C-alpha atoms as a PDB file:
ATOM      1  CA  UNK A   1     -55.490 -60.824  59.391  1.00  0.00           C
ATOM      2  CA  UNK A   2     -54.272 -58.736  56.404  1.00  0.00           C
ATOM      3  CA  UNK A   3     -56.549 -60.654  54.070  1.00  0.00           C
ATOM      4  CA  UNK A   4     -59.601 -58.962  55.671  1.00  0.00           C
ATOM      5  CA  UNK A   5     -58.301 -55.339  55.673  1.00  0.00           C
ATOM      6  CA  UNK A   6     -60.253 -52.875  53.614  1.00  0.00           C
ATOM      7  CA  UNK A   7     -58.614 -49.608  54.388  1.00  0.00           C
ATOM      8  CA  UNK A   8     -55.011 -48.854  54.371  1.00  0.00           C
ATOM      9  CA  UNK A   9     -53.437 -45.316  54.963  1.00  0.00           C
ATOM     10  CA  UNK A  10     -49.700 -45.014  54.547  1.00  0.00           C
ATOM     11  CA  UNK A  11     -49.613 -41.334  54.673  1.00  0.00           C
ATOM     12  CA  UNK A  12     -46.060 -39.459  54.508  1.00  0.00           C
ATOM     13  CA  UNK A  13     -44.137 -42.623  54.113  1.00  0.00           C
ATOM     14  CA  UNK A  14     -40.525 -41.960  53.243  1.00  0.00           C
ATOM     15  CA  UNK A  15     -37.569 -44.336  52.880  1.00  0.00           C
ATOM     16  CA  UNK A  16     -34.742 -43.728  55.405  1.00  0.00           C
ATOM     17  CA  UNK A  17     -31.329 -43.761  53.831  1.00  0.00           C
ATOM     18  CA  UNK A  18     -29.298 -46.771  54.610  1.00  0.00           C
ATOM     19  CA  UNK A  19     -27.013 -46.594  57.598  1.00  0.00           C
ATOM     20  CA  UNK A  20     -24.584 -49.412  56.778  1.00  0.00           C
ATOM     21  CA  UNK A  21     -21.343 -47.911  57.333  1.00  0.00           C
ATOM     22  CA  UNK A  22     -19.415 -50.681  55.478  1.00  0.00           C
ATOM     23  CA  UNK A  23     -20.888 -49.612  52.269  1.00  0.00           C
ATOM     24  CA  UNK A  24     -18.819 -46.566  51.586  1.00  0.00           C
ATOM     25  CA  UNK A  25     -18.948 -47.136  47.787  1.00  0.00           C
ATOM     26  CA  UNK A  26     -22.417 -46.026  47.479  1.00  0.00           C
ATOM     27  CA  UNK A  27     -23.187 -42.392  47.377  1.00  0.00           C
ATOM     28  CA  UNK A  28     -26.096 -40.862  49.485  1.00  0.00           C
ATOM     29  CA  UNK A  29     -28.173 -40.632  46.294  1.00  0.00           C
ATOM     30  CA  UNK A  30     -27.623 -44.363  45.517  1.00  0.00           C
ATOM     31  CA  UNK A  31     -28.443 -45.308  49.162  1.00  0.00           C
ATOM     32  CA  UNK A  32     -31.607 -43.226  49.122  1.00  0.00           C
ATOM     33  CA  UNK A  33     -32.695 -44.902  45.790  1.00  0.00           C
ATOM     34  CA  UNK A  34     -31.974 -48.347  47.139  1.00  0.00           C
ATOM     35  CA  UNK A  35     -34.039 -47.578  50.432  1.00  0.00           C
ATOM     36  CA  UNK A  36     -36.929 -46.265  48.327  1.00  0.00           C
ATOM     37  CA  UNK A  37     -36.809 -49.416  46.188  1.00  0.00           C
ATOM     38  CA  UNK A  38     -36.884 -51.693  49.223  1.00  0.00           C
ATOM     39  CA  UNK A  39     -39.792 -49.627  50.855  1.00  0.00           C
ATOM     40  CA  UNK A  40     -41.644 -49.955  47.391  1.00  0.00           C
ATOM     41  CA  UNK A  41     -41.048 -53.694  47.199  1.00  0.00           C
ATOM     42  CA  UNK A  42     -42.301 -54.185  50.929  1.00  0.00           C
ATOM     43  CA  UNK A  43     -45.409 -52.284  50.165  1.00  0.00           C
ATOM     44  CA  UNK A  44     -46.006 -54.232  46.928  1.00  0.00           C
ATOM     45  CA  UNK A  45     -45.670 -57.410  49.090  1.00  0.00           C
ATOM     46  CA  UNK A  46     -48.204 -56.074  51.635  1.00  0.00           C
ATOM     47  CA  UNK A  47     -50.724 -55.161  48.968  1.00  0.00           C
ATOM     48  CA  UNK A  48     -50.486 -58.512  47.380  1.00  0.00           C
ATOM     49  CA  UNK A  49     -51.493 -60.048  50.747  1.00  0.00           C
ATOM     50  CA  UNK A  50     -54.596 -57.623  51.101  1.00  0.00           C
ATOM     51  CA  UNK A  51     -56.712 -57.976  48.084  1.00  0.00           C
ATOM     52  CA  UNK A  52     -59.854 -56.719  49.780  1.00  0.00           C
ATOM     53  CA  UNK A  53     -58.564 -53.187  50.198  1.00  0.00           C
ATOM     54  CA  UNK A  54     -61.151 -50.694  48.960  1.00  0.00           C
ATOM     55  CA  UNK A  55     -59.369 -47.553  50.172  1.00  0.00           C
ATOM     56  CA  UNK A  56     -55.719 -46.934  49.804  1.00  0.00           C
ATOM     57  CA  UNK A  57     -53.846 -43.789  50.793  1.00  0.00           C
ATOM     58  CA  UNK A  58     -50.122 -43.110  50.096  1.00  0.00           C
ATOM     59  CA  UNK A  59     -50.601 -39.484  50.451  1.00  0.00           C
ATOM     60  CA  UNK A  60     -47.269 -37.403  50.671  1.00  0.00           C
ATOM     61  CA  UNK A  61     -45.323 -40.675  50.281  1.00  0.00           C
ATOM     62  CA  UNK A  62     -42.137 -41.376  48.253  1.00  0.00           C
ATOM     63  CA  UNK A  63     -39.934 -38.662  46.800  1.00  0.00           C
ATOM     64  CA  UNK A  64     -39.830 -40.309  43.390  1.00  0.00           C
ATOM     65  CA  UNK A  65     -42.236 -42.335  41.252  1.00  0.00           C
ATOM     66  CA  UNK A  66     -42.718 -45.705  42.880  1.00  0.00           C
ATOM     67  CA  UNK A  67     -43.452 -47.337  39.427  1.00  0.00           C
ATOM     68  CA  UNK A  68     -43.444 -50.977  40.344  1.00  0.00           C
ATOM     69  CA  UNK A  69     -45.740 -50.373  43.264  1.00  0.00           C
ATOM     70  CA  UNK A  70     -48.024 -48.137  41.218  1.00  0.00           C
ATOM     71  CA  UNK A  71     -48.199 -50.450  38.342  1.00  0.00           C
ATOM     72  CA  UNK A  72     -49.191 -53.362  40.544  1.00  0.00           C
ATOM     73  CA  UNK A  73     -52.208 -51.675  42.145  1.00  0.00           C
ATOM     74  CA  UNK A  74     -54.767 -52.865  39.515  1.00  0.00           C
ATOM     75  CA  UNK A  75     -53.572 -56.471  39.786  1.00  0.00           C
ATOM     76  CA  UNK A  76     -53.257 -56.519  43.602  1.00  0.00           C
ATOM     77  CA  UNK A  77     -56.255 -54.449  44.465  1.00  0.00           C
ATOM     78  CA  UNK A  78     -59.142 -55.516  42.450  1.00  0.00           C
ATOM     79  CA  UNK A  79     -61.796 -54.036  44.785  1.00  0.00           C
ATOM     80  CA  UNK A  80     -60.174 -50.624  45.135  1.00  0.00           C
ATOM     81  CA  UNK A  81     -62.627 -47.856  45.217  1.00  0.00           C
ATOM     82  CA  UNK A  82     -60.506 -44.795  46.408  1.00  0.00           C
ATOM     83  CA  UNK A  83     -56.780 -44.202  45.773  1.00  0.00           C
ATOM     84  CA  UNK A  84     -55.473 -41.257  47.592  1.00  0.00           C
ATOM     85  CA  UNK A  85     -52.316 -39.684  46.093  1.00  0.00           C
ATOM     86  CA  UNK A  86     -52.786 -36.273  47.697  1.00  0.00           C
ATOM     87  CA  UNK A  87     -49.655 -34.246  47.956  1.00  0.00           C
ATOM     88  CA  UNK A  88     -47.451 -36.745  46.103  1.00  0.00           C
ATOM     89  CA  UNK A  89     -44.624 -34.738  44.575  1.00  0.00           C
ATOM     90  CA  UNK A  90     -43.834 -37.436  42.032  1.00  0.00           C
ATOM     91  CA  UNK A  91     -47.330 -37.591  40.604  1.00  0.00           C
ATOM     92  CA  UNK A  92     -47.728 -35.927  37.166  1.00  0.00           C
ATOM     93  CA  UNK A  93     -50.066 -35.772  34.234  1.00  0.00           C
ATOM     94  CA  UNK A  94     -48.262 -38.436  32.485  1.00  0.00           C
ATOM     95  CA  UNK A  95     -48.225 -40.994  35.331  1.00  0.00           C
ATOM     96  CA  UNK A  96     -51.980 -40.278  36.040  1.00  0.00           C
ATOM     97  CA  UNK A  97     -52.876 -40.741  32.390  1.00  0.00           C
ATOM     98  CA  UNK A  98     -50.812 -43.955  32.134  1.00  0.00           C
ATOM     99  CA  UNK A  99     -52.462 -45.421  35.186  1.00  0.00           C
ATOM    100  CA  UNK A 100     -55.955 -44.543  33.942  1.00  0.00           C
ATOM    101  CA  UNK A 101     -55.277 -46.060  30.333  1.00  0.00           C
ATOM    102  CA  UNK A 102     -53.781 -49.136  31.935  1.00  0.00           C
ATOM    103  CA  UNK A 103     -56.890 -49.957  34.020  1.00  0.00           C
ATOM    104  CA  UNK A 104     -59.070 -49.455  30.940  1.00  0.00           C
ATOM    105  CA  UNK A 105     -57.017 -51.329  28.417  1.00  0.00           C
ATOM    106  CA  UNK A 106     -56.100 -54.139  30.543  1.00  0.00           C
ATOM    107  CA  UNK A 107     -59.645 -54.674  31.804  1.00  0.00           C
ATOM    108  CA  UNK A 108     -58.349 -56.020  34.887  1.00  0.00           C
ATOM    109  CA  UNK A 109     -58.566 -54.946  38.492  1.00  0.00           C
ATOM    110  CA  UNK A 110     -59.938 -51.628  39.882  1.00  0.00           C
ATOM    111  CA  UNK A 111     -63.193 -51.916  37.985  1.00  0.00           C
ATOM    112  CA  UNK A 112     -64.715 -50.316  41.310  1.00  0.00           C
ATOM    113  CA  UNK A 113     -62.355 -47.504  41.165  1.00  0.00           C
ATOM    114  CA  UNK A 114     -64.385 -44.275  41.712  1.00  0.00           C
ATOM    115  CA  UNK A 115     -61.941 -41.614  42.876  1.00  0.00           C
ATOM    116  CA  UNK A 116     -58.225 -41.008  42.472  1.00  0.00           C
ATOM    117  CA  UNK A 117     -57.362 -38.004  44.738  1.00  0.00           C
ATOM    118  CA  UNK A 118     -54.494 -36.024  43.118  1.00  0.00           C
ATOM    119  CA  UNK A 119     -55.196 -32.798  44.911  1.00  0.00           C
ATOM    120  CA  UNK A 120     -52.195 -30.812  46.054  1.00  0.00           C
ATOM    121  CA  UNK A 121     -49.969 -32.777  43.632  1.00  0.00           C
ATOM    122  CA  UNK A 122     -47.666 -29.941  42.311  1.00  0.00           C
ATOM    123  CA  UNK A 123     -47.145 -31.548  38.871  1.00  0.00           C
ATOM    124  CA  UNK A 124     -50.765 -32.188  38.120  1.00  0.00           C
ATOM    125  CA  UNK A 125     -52.596 -29.756  35.839  1.00  0.00           C
ATOM    126  CA  UNK A 126     -56.255 -29.145  35.093  1.00  0.00           C
ATOM    127  CA  UNK A 127     -55.643 -30.296  31.676  1.00  0.00           C
ATOM    128  CA  UNK A 128     -54.166 -33.741  32.892  1.00  0.00           C
ATOM    129  CA  UNK A 129     -57.108 -34.159  35.183  1.00  0.00           C
ATOM    130  CA  UNK A 130     -59.691 -33.328  32.354  1.00  0.00           C
ATOM    131  CA  UNK A 131     -57.946 -35.753  30.111  1.00  0.00           C
ATOM    132  CA  UNK A 132     -57.926 -38.475  32.673  1.00  0.00           C
ATOM    133  CA  UNK A 133     -61.622 -38.010  33.361  1.00  0.00           C
ATOM    134  CA  UNK A 134     -62.261 -38.268  29.597  1.00  0.00           C
ATOM    135  CA  UNK A 135     -60.341 -41.454  29.229  1.00  0.00           C
ATOM    136  CA  UNK A 136     -62.108 -42.953  32.271  1.00  0.00           C
ATOM    137  CA  UNK A 137     -65.490 -41.807  30.786  1.00  0.00           C
ATOM    138  CA  UNK A 138     -64.763 -43.551  27.446  1.00  0.00           C
ATOM    139  CA  UNK A 139     -62.773 -46.582  28.471  1.00  0.00           C
ATOM    140  CA  UNK A 140     -64.445 -47.554  31.708  1.00  0.00           C
ATOM    141  CA  UNK A 141     -67.903 -46.152  31.267  1.00  0.00           C
ATOM    142  CA  UNK A 142     -67.677 -43.850  34.213  1.00  0.00           C
END
């Protein structure tokens, strides 16, 4: 079952807009946001059931920052070694730095995390990566 899964690749996952024709009050944007939230909640539930995952890829997934999913990773995946966020358009320096600080400050989960791949993320800068590395080195002893 899922409880033994160690690798999960969910590359290029995008929420499909809702097709409920009875829901004419919602704009296309609101339906898209609602669909992304439902996808994020579903993935969070899946991760909660798979605590042995060591490699997680959500490369190219989501159009906007999946904050609840992303913030739950340290708690749900304590054995995570590699987090692949390659080509995530929502990833930026602030989100990366917040994630690294949260792992260090909370002292919970992801103590085995060795690599966060943010290559080809259009909003990540060299400065952000260097700061994240410095924080990880100081707080996590990496």
